Amino acid sequence: MSQIPNCPQCASAFSYADGDLYICPECGHEWSASAAGDVVAVDDVLSVKDASGNLLSDGDSVTVIKDLKVKGSSLVVKVGTKVKNIRLIEGDHDIDCKIEGIGPMKLKSEFVRKA
């Protein structure tokens, strides 16, 4: 039986194998089984680009370039709305933010432009 490696991010010994991936239940980090033998851990840097192709990072300010309907509400995020202090996340909606007058939201990077 093979030895399952510790998590490269938090060094937790509770990692487990799931198909071709190793998963850490403590920090949620996932890495491939083929990369587990590497001594140097690769940083998982999330690269997200806005509608113009500019690279976004955590803490940036962005401007909405299209009217966006808020799901489950009659509210609309208007064109030109400035969103400050964004946070990048993985997934289809890759920007997590708080919009004044609406509250916390997740946005797609294709509908924003770096301010």
PDB file of N, CA and C in Angstrom:
ATOM      1  N   MET A   1       0.841  -1.183   0.000  1.00  0.00           N
ATOM      2  CA  MET A   1       0.000   0.000   0.000  1.00  0.00           C
ATOM      3  C   MET A   1       0.885   1.246   0.000  1.00  0.00           C
ATOM      4  N   SER A   2       0.569   2.205  -0.846  1.00  0.00           N
ATOM      5  CA  SER A   2       1.401   3.392  -0.967  1.00  0.00           C
ATOM      6  C   SER A   2       1.119   4.394   0.150  1.00  0.00           C
ATOM      7  N   GLN A   3       2.132   5.164   0.463  1.00  0.00           N
ATOM      8  CA  GLN A   3       2.029   6.192   1.496  1.00  0.00           C
ATOM      9  C   GLN A   3       1.420   7.451   0.889  1.00  0.00           C
ATOM     10  N   ILE A   4       0.360   7.981   1.498  1.00  0.00           N
ATOM     11  CA  ILE A   4      -0.266   9.209   1.019  1.00  0.00           C
ATOM     12  C   ILE A   4       0.515  10.388   1.586  1.00  0.00           C
ATOM     13  N   PRO A   5       0.951  11.326   0.722  1.00  0.00           N
ATOM     14  CA  PRO A   5       1.774  12.446   1.200  1.00  0.00           C
ATOM     15  C   PRO A   5       0.972  13.457   2.015  1.00  0.00           C
ATOM     16  N   ASN A   6       1.687  14.201   2.841  1.00  0.00           N
ATOM     17  CA  ASN A   6       1.067  15.289   3.594  1.00  0.00           C
ATOM     18  C   ASN A   6       0.701  16.415   2.634  1.00  0.00           C
ATOM     19  N   CYS A   7      -0.221  17.261   3.057  1.00  0.00           N
ATOM     20  CA  CYS A   7      -0.664  18.396   2.252  1.00  0.00           C
ATOM     21  C   CYS A   7       0.508  19.362   2.044  1.00  0.00           C
ATOM     22  N   PRO A   8       0.788  19.784   0.795  1.00  0.00           N
ATOM     23  CA  PRO A   8       1.893  20.716   0.554  1.00  0.00           C
ATOM     24  C   PRO A   8       1.609  22.136   1.054  1.00  0.00           C
ATOM     25  N   GLN A   9       0.338  22.476   1.309  1.00  0.00           N
ATOM     26  CA  GLN A   9       0.021  23.822   1.786  1.00  0.00           C
ATOM     27  C   GLN A   9       0.070  23.929   3.298  1.00  0.00           C
ATOM     28  N   CYS A  10      -0.608  23.014   4.006  1.00  0.00           N
ATOM     29  CA  CYS A  10      -0.700  23.139   5.463  1.00  0.00           C
ATOM     30  C   CYS A  10       0.021  22.012   6.199  1.00  0.00           C
ATOM     31  N   ALA A  11       0.613  21.084   5.482  1.00  0.00           N
ATOM     32  CA  ALA A  11       1.369  19.953   6.045  1.00  0.00           C
ATOM     33  C   ALA A  11       0.511  19.022   6.890  1.00  0.00           C
ATOM     34  N   SER A  12      -0.778  18.988   6.634  1.00  0.00           N
ATOM     35  CA  SER A  12      -1.685  18.108   7.366  1.00  0.00           C
ATOM     36  C   SER A  12      -1.443  16.650   6.969  1.00  0.00           C
ATOM     37  N   ALA A  13      -1.504  15.771   7.944  1.00  0.00           N
ATOM     38  CA  ALA A  13      -1.297  14.349   7.694  1.00  0.00           C
ATOM     39  C   ALA A  13      -2.607  13.635   7.352  1.00  0.00           C
ATOM     40  N   PHE A  14      -3.720  14.371   7.309  1.00  0.00           N
ATOM     41  CA  PHE A  14      -5.030  13.761   7.090  1.00  0.00           C
ATOM     42  C   PHE A  14      -5.480  13.797   5.638  1.00  0.00           C
ATOM     43  N   SER A  15      -4.557  14.007   4.698  1.00  0.00           N
ATOM     44  CA  SER A  15      -4.926  14.029   3.293  1.00  0.00           C
ATOM     45  C   SER A  15      -5.349  12.637   2.838  1.00  0.00           C
ATOM     46  N   TYR A  16      -6.175  12.606   1.781  1.00  0.00           N
ATOM     47  CA  TYR A  16      -6.659  11.325   1.263  1.00  0.00           C
ATOM     48  C   TYR A  16      -6.701  11.367  -0.260  1.00  0.00           C
ATOM     49  N   ALA A  17      -6.721  10.177  -0.849  1.00  0.00           N
ATOM     50  CA  ALA A  17      -6.734  10.062  -2.304  1.00  0.00           C
ATOM     51  C   ALA A  17      -8.172   9.969  -2.793  1.00  0.00           C
ATOM     52  N   ASP A  18      -8.451  10.649  -3.910  1.00  0.00           N
ATOM     53  CA  ASP A  18      -9.762  10.593  -4.552  1.00  0.00           C
ATOM     54  C   ASP A  18      -9.518  10.522  -6.054  1.00  0.00           C
ATOM     55  N   GLY A  19      -9.463   9.325  -6.572  1.00  0.00           N
ATOM     56  CA  GLY A  19      -9.160   9.151  -7.988  1.00  0.00           C
ATOM     57  C   GLY A  19      -7.715   9.536  -8.267  1.00  0.00           C
ATOM     58  N   ASP A  20      -7.514  10.505  -9.159  1.00  0.00           N
ATOM     59  CA  ASP A  20      -6.171  10.981  -9.506  1.00  0.00           C
ATOM     60  C   ASP A  20      -5.737  12.166  -8.651  1.00  0.00           C
ATOM     61  N   LEU A  21      -6.533  12.547  -7.682  1.00  0.00           N
ATOM     62  CA  LEU A  21      -6.219  13.711  -6.852  1.00  0.00           C
ATOM     63  C   LEU A  21      -5.994  13.317  -5.399  1.00  0.00           C
ATOM     64  N   TYR A  22      -5.189  14.129  -4.711  1.00  0.00           N
ATOM     65  CA  TYR A  22      -5.086  14.065  -3.266  1.00  0.00           C
ATOM     66  C   TYR A  22      -5.823  15.285  -2.727  1.00  0.00           C
ATOM     67  N   ILE A  23      -6.548  15.128  -1.632  1.00  0.00           N
ATOM     68  CA  ILE A  23      -7.347  16.202  -1.070  1.00  0.00           C
ATOM     69  C   ILE A  23      -7.035  16.339   0.409  1.00  0.00           C
ATOM     70  N   CYS A  24      -6.901  17.583   0.871  1.00  0.00           N
ATOM     71  CA  CYS A  24      -6.683  17.872   2.282  1.00  0.00           C
ATOM     72  C   CYS A  24      -8.007  18.330   2.888  1.00  0.00           C
ATOM     73  N   PRO A  25      -8.563  17.610   3.868  1.00  0.00           N
ATOM     74  CA  PRO A  25      -9.840  18.016   4.449  1.00  0.00           C
ATOM     75  C   PRO A  25      -9.720  19.235   5.367  1.00  0.00           C
ATOM     76  N   GLU A  26      -8.526  19.579   5.790  1.00  0.00           N
ATOM     77  CA  GLU A  26      -8.368  20.705   6.712  1.00  0.00           C
ATOM     78  C   GLU A  26      -8.344  22.049   5.990  1.00  0.00           C
ATOM     79  N   CYS A  27      -7.580  22.153   4.888  1.00  0.00           N
ATOM     80  CA  CYS A  27      -7.490  23.435   4.188  1.00  0.00           C
ATOM     81  C   CYS A  27      -8.221  23.415   2.850  1.00  0.00           C
ATOM     82  N   GLY A  28      -8.632  22.222   2.365  1.00  0.00           N
ATOM     83  CA  GLY A  28      -9.366  22.122   1.114  1.00  0.00           C
ATOM     84  C   GLY A  28      -8.486  22.107  -0.125  1.00  0.00           C
ATOM     85  N   HIS A  29      -7.171  22.056   0.057  1.00  0.00           N
ATOM     86  CA  HIS A  29      -6.249  22.057  -1.083  1.00  0.00           C
ATOM     87  C   HIS A  29      -6.323  20.728  -1.825  1.00  0.00           C
ATOM     88  N   GLU A  30      -6.303  20.791  -3.167  1.00  0.00           N
ATOM     89  CA  GLU A  30      -6.290  19.595  -4.011  1.00  0.00           C
ATOM     90  C   GLU A  30      -5.048  19.634  -4.884  1.00  0.00           C
ATOM     91  N   TRP A  31      -4.406  18.495  -5.050  1.00  0.00           N
ATOM     92  CA  TRP A  31      -3.247  18.416  -5.940  1.00  0.00           C
ATOM     93  C   TRP A  31      -3.247  17.068  -6.606  1.00  0.00           C
ATOM     94  N   SER A  32      -2.605  16.989  -7.770  1.00  0.00           N
ATOM     95  CA  SER A  32      -2.626  15.761  -8.550  1.00  0.00           C
ATOM     96  C   SER A  32      -1.652  14.739  -7.979  1.00  0.00           C
ATOM     97  N   ALA A  33      -1.972  13.486  -8.200  1.00  0.00           N
ATOM     98  CA  ALA A  33      -1.142  12.404  -7.691  1.00  0.00           C
ATOM     99  C   ALA A  33       0.209  12.392  -8.403  1.00  0.00           C
ATOM    100  N   SER A  34       0.258  12.812  -9.675  1.00  0.00           N
ATOM    101  CA  SER A  34       1.522  12.828 -10.401  1.00  0.00           C
ATOM    102  C   SER A  34       2.452  13.922  -9.881  1.00  0.00           C
ATOM    103  N   ALA A  35       1.900  15.002  -9.341  1.00  0.00           N
ATOM    104  CA  ALA A  35       2.716  16.088  -8.801  1.00  0.00           C
ATOM    105  C   ALA A  35       3.092  15.851  -7.347  1.00  0.00           C
ATOM    106  N   ALA A  36       2.547  14.815  -6.728  1.00  0.00           N
ATOM    107  CA  ALA A  36       2.811  14.555  -5.310  1.00  0.00           C
ATOM    108  C   ALA A  36       4.256  14.159  -5.067  1.00  0.00           C
ATOM    109  N   GLY A  37       4.922  13.590  -6.063  1.00  0.00           N
ATOM    110  CA  GLY A  37       6.309  13.183  -5.890  1.00  0.00           C
ATOM    111  C   GLY A  37       7.285  14.340  -5.973  1.00  0.00           C
ATOM    112  N   ASP A  38       6.848  15.483  -6.469  1.00  0.00           N
ATOM    113  CA  ASP A  38       7.722  16.649  -6.575  1.00  0.00           C
ATOM    114  C   ASP A  38       8.043  17.188  -5.188  1.00  0.00           C
ATOM    115  N   VAL A  39       9.275  17.562  -4.990  1.00  0.00           N
ATOM    116  CA  VAL A  39       9.699  18.100  -3.703  1.00  0.00           C
ATOM    117  C   VAL A  39       9.238  19.536  -3.544  1.00  0.00           C
ATOM    118  N   VAL A  40       9.283  20.297  -4.627  1.00  0.00           N
ATOM    119  CA  VAL A  40       8.900  21.702  -4.574  1.00  0.00           C
ATOM    120  C   VAL A  40       7.404  21.817  -4.850  1.00  0.00           C
ATOM    121  N   ALA A  41       6.693  22.465  -3.932  1.00  0.00           N
ATOM    122  CA  ALA A  41       5.263  22.676  -4.113  1.00  0.00           C
ATOM    123  C   ALA A  41       5.055  23.890  -5.019  1.00  0.00           C
ATOM    124  N   VAL A  42       4.147  23.769  -5.973  1.00  0.00           N
ATOM    125  CA  VAL A  42       3.860  24.850  -6.894  1.00  0.00           C
ATOM    126  C   VAL A  42       2.731  25.682  -6.307  1.00  0.00           C
ATOM    127  N   ASP A  43       2.923  27.011  -6.275  1.00  0.00           N
ATOM    128  CA  ASP A  43       1.870  27.885  -5.780  1.00  0.00           C
ATOM    129  C   ASP A  43       0.698  27.849  -6.749  1.00  0.00           C
ATOM    130  N   ASP A  44      -0.498  27.726  -6.196  1.00  0.00           N
ATOM    131  CA  ASP A  44      -1.697  27.756  -7.009  1.00  0.00           C
ATOM    132  C   ASP A  44      -2.161  29.202  -7.122  1.00  0.00           C
ATOM    133  N   VAL A  45      -1.560  29.925  -8.064  1.00  0.00           N
ATOM    134  CA  VAL A  45      -1.902  31.314  -8.267  1.00  0.00           C
ATOM    135  C   VAL A  45      -3.065  31.369  -9.242  1.00  0.00           C
ATOM    136  N   LEU A  46      -4.125  32.001  -8.818  1.00  0.00           N
ATOM    137  CA  LEU A  46      -5.322  32.106  -9.633  1.00  0.00           C
ATOM    138  C   LEU A  46      -5.170  33.300 -10.563  1.00  0.00           C
ATOM    139  N   SER A  47      -5.166  33.074 -11.868  1.00  0.00           N
ATOM    140  CA  SER A  47      -5.051  34.182 -12.816  1.00  0.00           C
ATOM    141  C   SER A  47      -6.414  34.416 -13.441  1.00  0.00           C
ATOM    142  N   VAL A  48      -6.945  35.605 -13.192  1.00  0.00           N
ATOM    143  CA  VAL A  48      -8.256  35.991 -13.697  1.00  0.00           C
ATOM    144  C   VAL A  48      -8.082  37.276 -14.491  1.00  0.00           C
ATOM    145  N   LYS A  49      -8.666  37.305 -15.692  1.00  0.00           N
ATOM    146  CA  LYS A  49      -8.582  38.491 -16.544  1.00  0.00           C
ATOM    147  C   LYS A  49      -9.962  39.108 -16.699  1.00  0.00           C
ATOM    148  N   ASP A  50      -9.988  40.444 -16.789  1.00  0.00           N
ATOM    149  CA  ASP A  50     -11.254  41.143 -16.979  1.00  0.00           C
ATOM    150  C   ASP A  50     -11.646  41.119 -18.455  1.00  0.00           C
ATOM    151  N   ALA A  51     -12.692  41.852 -18.815  1.00  0.00           N
ATOM    152  CA  ALA A  51     -13.197  41.858 -20.188  1.00  0.00           C
ATOM    153  C   ALA A  51     -12.187  42.427 -21.178  1.00  0.00           C
ATOM    154  N   SER A  52     -11.288  43.290 -20.719  1.00  0.00           N
ATOM    155  CA  SER A  52     -10.273  43.887 -21.591  1.00  0.00           C
ATOM    156  C   SER A  52      -8.984  43.077 -21.650  1.00  0.00           C
ATOM    157  N   GLY A  53      -8.885  42.037 -20.842  1.00  0.00           N
ATOM    158  CA  GLY A  53      -7.690  41.208 -20.824  1.00  0.00           C
ATOM    159  C   GLY A  53      -6.677  41.600 -19.773  1.00  0.00           C
ATOM    160  N   ASN A  54      -7.022  42.558 -18.898  1.00  0.00           N
ATOM    161  CA  ASN A  54      -6.122  42.954 -17.816  1.00  0.00           C
ATOM    162  C   ASN A  54      -6.170  41.922 -16.702  1.00  0.00           C
ATOM    163  N   LEU A  55      -5.023  41.641 -16.124  1.00  0.00           N
ATOM    164  CA  LEU A  55      -4.936  40.675 -15.038  1.00  0.00           C
ATOM    165  C   LEU A  55      -5.470  41.291 -13.748  1.00  0.00           C
ATOM    166  N   LEU A  56      -6.401  40.598 -13.086  1.00  0.00           N
ATOM    167  CA  LEU A  56      -6.980  41.074 -11.825  1.00  0.00           C
ATOM    168  C   LEU A  56      -6.281  40.406 -10.654  1.00  0.00           C
ATOM    169  N   SER A  57      -6.295  41.085  -9.510  1.00  0.00           N
ATOM    170  CA  SER A  57      -5.750  40.509  -8.285  1.00  0.00           C
ATOM    171  C   SER A  57      -6.638  40.909  -7.111  1.00  0.00           C
ATOM    172  N   ASP A  58      -6.452  40.236  -5.982  1.00  0.00           N
ATOM    173  CA  ASP A  58      -7.237  40.540  -4.786  1.00  0.00           C
ATOM    174  C   ASP A  58      -7.036  41.998  -4.386  1.00  0.00           C
ATOM    175  N   GLY A  59      -8.132  42.668  -4.004  1.00  0.00           N
ATOM    176  CA  GLY A  59      -8.061  44.046  -3.553  1.00  0.00           C
ATOM    177  C   GLY A  59      -8.232  45.083  -4.646  1.00  0.00           C
ATOM    178  N   ASP A  60      -8.307  44.660  -5.912  1.00  0.00           N
ATOM    179  CA  ASP A  60      -8.499  45.605  -7.011  1.00  0.00           C
ATOM    180  C   ASP A  60      -9.904  46.206  -6.979  1.00  0.00           C
ATOM    181  N   SER A  61     -10.063  47.304  -7.701  1.00  0.00           N
ATOM    182  CA  SER A  61     -11.374  47.906  -7.927  1.00  0.00           C
ATOM    183  C   SER A  61     -11.742  47.662  -9.378  1.00  0.00           C
ATOM    184  N   VAL A  62     -13.003  47.328  -9.629  1.00  0.00           N
ATOM    185  CA  VAL A  62     -13.470  47.059 -10.980  1.00  0.00           C
ATOM    186  C   VAL A  62     -14.755  47.841 -11.237  1.00  0.00           C
ATOM    187  N   THR A  63     -15.076  48.006 -12.518  1.00  0.00           N
ATOM    188  CA  THR A  63     -16.298  48.669 -12.941  1.00  0.00           C
ATOM    189  C   THR A  63     -17.122  47.694 -13.762  1.00  0.00           C
ATOM    190  N   VAL A  64     -18.426  47.634 -13.502  1.00  0.00           N
ATOM    191  CA  VAL A  64     -19.331  46.743 -14.221  1.00  0.00           C
ATOM    192  C   VAL A  64     -19.574  47.329 -15.609  1.00  0.00           C
ATOM    193  N   ILE A  65     -19.500  46.492 -16.662  1.00  0.00           N
ATOM    194  CA  ILE A  65     -19.642  46.976 -18.036  1.00  0.00           C
ATOM    195  C   ILE A  65     -20.970  46.578 -18.680  1.00  0.00           C
ATOM    196  N   LYS A  66     -21.856  45.920 -17.920  1.00  0.00           N
ATOM    197  CA  LYS A  66     -23.135  45.485 -18.467  1.00  0.00           C
ATOM    198  C   LYS A  66     -24.147  45.459 -17.331  1.00  0.00           C
ATOM    199  N   ASP A  67     -25.414  45.808 -17.602  1.00  0.00           N
ATOM    200  CA  ASP A  67     -26.443  45.678 -16.578  1.00  0.00           C
ATOM    201  C   ASP A  67     -26.576  44.207 -16.196  1.00  0.00           C
ATOM    202  N   LEU A  68     -26.510  43.940 -14.897  1.00  0.00           N
ATOM    203  CA  LEU A  68     -26.589  42.562 -14.409  1.00  0.00           C
ATOM    204  C   LEU A  68     -27.791  42.411 -13.487  1.00  0.00           C
ATOM    205  N   LYS A  69     -28.696  41.493 -13.825  1.00  0.00           N
ATOM    206  CA  LYS A  69     -29.839  41.213 -12.964  1.00  0.00           C
ATOM    207  C   LYS A  69     -29.368  40.386 -11.778  1.00  0.00           C
ATOM    208  N   VAL A  70     -29.894  40.703 -10.591  1.00  0.00           N
ATOM    209  CA  VAL A  70     -29.557  39.952  -9.393  1.00  0.00           C
ATOM    210  C   VAL A  70     -30.559  38.813  -9.279  1.00  0.00           C
ATOM    211  N   LYS A  71     -30.058  37.592  -9.292  1.00  0.00           N
ATOM    212  CA  LYS A  71     -30.915  36.412  -9.283  1.00  0.00           C
ATOM    213  C   LYS A  71     -31.745  36.367  -8.009  1.00  0.00           C
ATOM    214  N   GLY A  72     -33.047  36.140  -8.135  1.00  0.00           N
ATOM    215  CA  GLY A  72     -33.932  36.031  -6.987  1.00  0.00           C
ATOM    216  C   GLY A  72     -34.369  37.372  -6.436  1.00  0.00           C
ATOM    217  N   SER A  73     -34.133  38.430  -7.186  1.00  0.00           N
ATOM    218  CA  SER A  73     -34.475  39.766  -6.733  1.00  0.00           C
ATOM    219  C   SER A  73     -34.843  40.618  -7.934  1.00  0.00           C
ATOM    220  N   SER A  74     -35.460  41.777  -7.660  1.00  0.00           N
ATOM    221  CA  SER A  74     -35.775  42.695  -8.752  1.00  0.00           C
ATOM    222  C   SER A  74     -34.678  43.742  -8.923  1.00  0.00           C
ATOM    223  N   LEU A  75     -33.598  43.627  -8.165  1.00  0.00           N
ATOM    224  CA  LEU A  75     -32.495  44.574  -8.238  1.00  0.00           C
ATOM    225  C   LEU A  75     -31.657  44.357  -9.493  1.00  0.00           C
ATOM    226  N   VAL A  76     -31.004  45.432  -9.947  1.00  0.00           N
ATOM    227  CA  VAL A  76     -30.113  45.371 -11.109  1.00  0.00           C
ATOM    228  C   VAL A  76     -28.833  46.113 -10.755  1.00  0.00           C
ATOM    229  N   VAL A  77     -27.688  45.511 -11.071  1.00  0.00           N
ATOM    230  CA  VAL A  77     -26.397  46.191 -10.943  1.00  0.00           C
ATOM    231  C   VAL A  77     -26.194  46.935 -12.255  1.00  0.00           C
ATOM    232  N   LYS A  78     -26.186  48.271 -12.199  1.00  0.00           N
ATOM    233  CA  LYS A  78     -26.140  49.103 -13.396  1.00  0.00           C
ATOM    234  C   LYS A  78     -24.738  49.192 -13.989  1.00  0.00           C
ATOM    235  N   VAL A  79     -24.684  49.511 -15.272  1.00  0.00           N
ATOM    236  CA  VAL A  79     -23.418  49.762 -15.966  1.00  0.00           C
ATOM    237  C   VAL A  79     -22.704  50.910 -15.269  1.00  0.00           C
ATOM    238  N   GLY A  80     -21.406  50.780 -15.059  1.00  0.00           N
ATOM    239  CA  GLY A  80     -20.624  51.837 -14.436  1.00  0.00           C
ATOM    240  C   GLY A  80     -20.523  51.737 -12.932  1.00  0.00           C
ATOM    241  N   THR A  81     -21.192  50.760 -12.323  1.00  0.00           N
ATOM    242  CA  THR A  81     -21.097  50.579 -10.877  1.00  0.00           C
ATOM    243  C   THR A  81     -19.674  50.187 -10.527  1.00  0.00           C
ATOM    244  N   LYS A  82     -19.067  50.920  -9.598  1.00  0.00           N
ATOM    245  CA  LYS A  82     -17.692  50.626  -9.190  1.00  0.00           C
ATOM    246  C   LYS A  82     -17.721  49.702  -7.984  1.00  0.00           C
ATOM    247  N   VAL A  83     -16.955  48.636  -8.064  1.00  0.00           N
ATOM    248  CA  VAL A  83     -16.865  47.650  -6.994  1.00  0.00           C
ATOM    249  C   VAL A  83     -15.439  47.681  -6.468  1.00  0.00           C
ATOM    250  N   LYS A  84     -15.301  47.935  -5.170  1.00  0.00           N
ATOM    251  CA  LYS A  84     -13.979  48.051  -4.560  1.00  0.00           C
ATOM    252  C   LYS A  84     -13.621  46.784  -3.807  1.00  0.00           C
ATOM    253  N   ASN A  85     -12.331  46.553  -3.686  1.00  0.00           N
ATOM    254  CA  ASN A  85     -11.787  45.481  -2.848  1.00  0.00           C
ATOM    255  C   ASN A  85     -12.360  44.106  -3.197  1.00  0.00           C
ATOM    256  N   ILE A  86     -12.141  43.676  -4.430  1.00  0.00           N
ATOM    257  CA  ILE A  86     -12.629  42.369  -4.869  1.00  0.00           C
ATOM    258  C   ILE A  86     -11.746  41.254  -4.318  1.00  0.00           C
ATOM    259  N   ARG A  87     -12.299  40.043  -4.302  1.00  0.00           N
ATOM    260  CA  ARG A  87     -11.544  38.863  -3.903  1.00  0.00           C
ATOM    261  C   ARG A  87     -11.746  37.810  -4.986  1.00  0.00           C
ATOM    262  N   LEU A  88     -10.661  37.226  -5.465  1.00  0.00           N
ATOM    263  CA  LEU A  88     -10.729  36.228  -6.528  1.00  0.00           C
ATOM    264  C   LEU A  88     -10.952  34.846  -5.939  1.00  0.00           C
ATOM    265  N   ILE A  89     -11.853  34.098  -6.558  1.00  0.00           N
ATOM    266  CA  ILE A  89     -12.167  32.740  -6.117  1.00  0.00           C
ATOM    267  C   ILE A  89     -12.214  31.837  -7.339  1.00  0.00           C
ATOM    268  N   GLU A  90     -12.213  30.544  -7.115  1.00  0.00           N
ATOM    269  CA  GLU A  90     -12.312  29.592  -8.217  1.00  0.00           C
ATOM    270  C   GLU A  90     -13.777  29.343  -8.531  1.00  0.00           C
ATOM    271  N   GLY A  91     -14.055  29.015  -9.762  1.00  0.00           N
ATOM    272  CA  GLY A  91     -15.413  28.686 -10.158  1.00  0.00           C
ATOM    273  C   GLY A  91     -15.877  29.516 -11.337  1.00  0.00           C
ATOM    274  N   ASP A  92     -17.144  29.353 -11.694  1.00  0.00           N
ATOM    275  CA  ASP A  92     -17.738  30.056 -12.817  1.00  0.00           C
ATOM    276  C   ASP A  92     -17.807  31.556 -12.530  1.00  0.00           C
ATOM    277  N   HIS A  93     -18.295  31.923 -11.357  1.00  0.00           N
ATOM    278  CA  HIS A  93     -18.313  33.311 -10.902  1.00  0.00           C
ATOM    279  C   HIS A  93     -17.040  33.502 -10.093  1.00  0.00           C
ATOM    280  N   ASP A  94     -16.024  34.111 -10.700  1.00  0.00           N
ATOM    281  CA  ASP A  94     -14.696  34.110 -10.099  1.00  0.00           C
ATOM    282  C   ASP A  94     -14.326  35.361  -9.311  1.00  0.00           C
ATOM    283  N   ILE A  95     -15.299  36.264  -9.082  1.00  0.00           N
ATOM    284  CA  ILE A  95     -15.053  37.453  -8.264  1.00  0.00           C
ATOM    285  C   ILE A  95     -16.065  37.478  -7.126  1.00  0.00           C
ATOM    286  N   ASP A  96     -15.573  37.593  -5.908  1.00  0.00           N
ATOM    287  CA  ASP A  96     -16.415  37.714  -4.726  1.00  0.00           C
ATOM    288  C   ASP A  96     -16.273  39.148  -4.243  1.00  0.00           C
ATOM    289  N   CYS A  97     -17.395  39.839  -4.038  1.00  0.00           N
ATOM    290  CA  CYS A  97     -17.319  41.253  -3.680  1.00  0.00           C
ATOM    291  C   CYS A  97     -18.549  41.672  -2.891  1.00  0.00           C
ATOM    292  N   LYS A  98     -18.549  42.920  -2.465  1.00  0.00           N
ATOM    293  CA  LYS A  98     -19.678  43.514  -1.779  1.00  0.00           C
ATOM    294  C   LYS A  98     -20.028  44.799  -2.520  1.00  0.00           C
ATOM    295  N   ILE A  99     -21.268  44.886  -3.007  1.00  0.00           N
ATOM    296  CA  ILE A  99     -21.713  46.045  -3.768  1.00  0.00           C
ATOM    297  C   ILE A  99     -22.621  46.887  -2.886  1.00  0.00           C
ATOM    298  N   GLU A 100     -22.305  48.185  -2.815  1.00  0.00           N
ATOM    299  CA  GLU A 100     -23.099  49.084  -1.981  1.00  0.00           C
ATOM    300  C   GLU A 100     -24.550  49.107  -2.468  1.00  0.00           C
ATOM    301  N   GLY A 101     -25.492  49.005  -1.537  1.00  0.00           N
ATOM    302  CA  GLY A 101     -26.903  49.024  -1.864  1.00  0.00           C
ATOM    303  C   GLY A 101     -27.472  47.672  -2.224  1.00  0.00           C
ATOM    304  N   ILE A 102     -26.615  46.695  -2.471  1.00  0.00           N
ATOM    305  CA  ILE A 102     -27.081  45.355  -2.845  1.00  0.00           C
ATOM    306  C   ILE A 102     -26.589  44.315  -1.844  1.00  0.00           C
ATOM    307  N   GLY A 103     -25.293  44.358  -1.511  1.00  0.00           N
ATOM    308  CA  GLY A 103     -24.723  43.419  -0.555  1.00  0.00           C
ATOM    309  C   GLY A 103     -23.712  42.504  -1.198  1.00  0.00           C
ATOM    310  N   PRO A 104     -23.396  41.382  -0.535  1.00  0.00           N
ATOM    311  CA  PRO A 104     -22.387  40.466  -1.074  1.00  0.00           C
ATOM    312  C   PRO A 104     -22.874  39.786  -2.359  1.00  0.00           C
ATOM    313  N   MET A 105     -21.963  39.685  -3.336  1.00  0.00           N
ATOM    314  CA  MET A 105     -22.290  39.075  -4.626  1.00  0.00           C
ATOM    315  C   MET A 105     -21.082  38.369  -5.200  1.00  0.00           C
ATOM    316  N   LYS A 106     -21.339  37.509  -6.145  1.00  0.00           N
ATOM    317  CA  LYS A 106     -20.296  36.883  -6.946  1.00  0.00           C
ATOM    318  C   LYS A 106     -20.521  37.316  -8.384  1.00  0.00           C
ATOM    319  N   LEU A 107     -19.443  37.738  -9.043  1.00  0.00           N
ATOM    320  CA  LEU A 107     -19.523  38.232 -10.414  1.00  0.00           C
ATOM    321  C   LEU A 107     -18.629  37.414 -11.328  1.00  0.00           C
ATOM    322  N   LYS A 108     -18.962  37.434 -12.606  1.00  0.00           N
ATOM    323  CA  LYS A 108     -18.093  36.839 -13.613  1.00  0.00           C
ATOM    324  C   LYS A 108     -17.137  37.917 -14.097  1.00  0.00           C
ATOM    325  N   SER A 109     -15.887  37.545 -14.290  1.00  0.00           N
ATOM    326  CA  SER A 109     -14.874  38.517 -14.696  1.00  0.00           C
ATOM    327  C   SER A 109     -15.125  39.065 -16.097  1.00  0.00           C
ATOM    328  N   GLU A 110     -15.893  38.377 -16.907  1.00  0.00           N
ATOM    329  CA  GLU A 110     -16.152  38.843 -18.269  1.00  0.00           C
ATOM    330  C   GLU A 110     -17.074  40.061 -18.314  1.00  0.00           C
ATOM    331  N   PHE A 111     -17.710  40.398 -17.167  1.00  0.00           N
ATOM    332  CA  PHE A 111     -18.615  41.538 -17.119  1.00  0.00           C
ATOM    333  C   PHE A 111     -18.047  42.719 -16.344  1.00  0.00           C
ATOM    334  N   VAL A 112     -16.752  42.706 -16.072  1.00  0.00           N
ATOM    335  CA  VAL A 112     -16.123  43.811 -15.349  1.00  0.00           C
ATOM    336  C   VAL A 112     -14.869  44.282 -16.065  1.00  0.00           C
ATOM    337  N   ARG A 113     -14.460  45.510 -15.761  1.00  0.00           N
ATOM    338  CA  ARG A 113     -13.231  46.074 -16.303  1.00  0.00           C
ATOM    339  C   ARG A 113     -12.472  46.678 -15.127  1.00  0.00           C
ATOM    340  N   LYS A 114     -11.178  46.486 -15.110  1.00  0.00           N
ATOM    341  CA  LYS A 114     -10.348  47.008 -14.034  1.00  0.00           C
ATOM    342  C   LYS A 114     -10.426  48.529 -14.012  1.00  0.00           C
ATOM    343  N   ALA A 115     -10.633  49.093 -12.815  1.00  0.00           N
ATOM    344  CA  ALA A 115     -10.774  50.560 -12.688  1.00  0.00           C
ATOM    345  C   ALA A 115      -9.426  51.211 -12.419  1.00  0.00           C
TER     346      ALA A 115
END
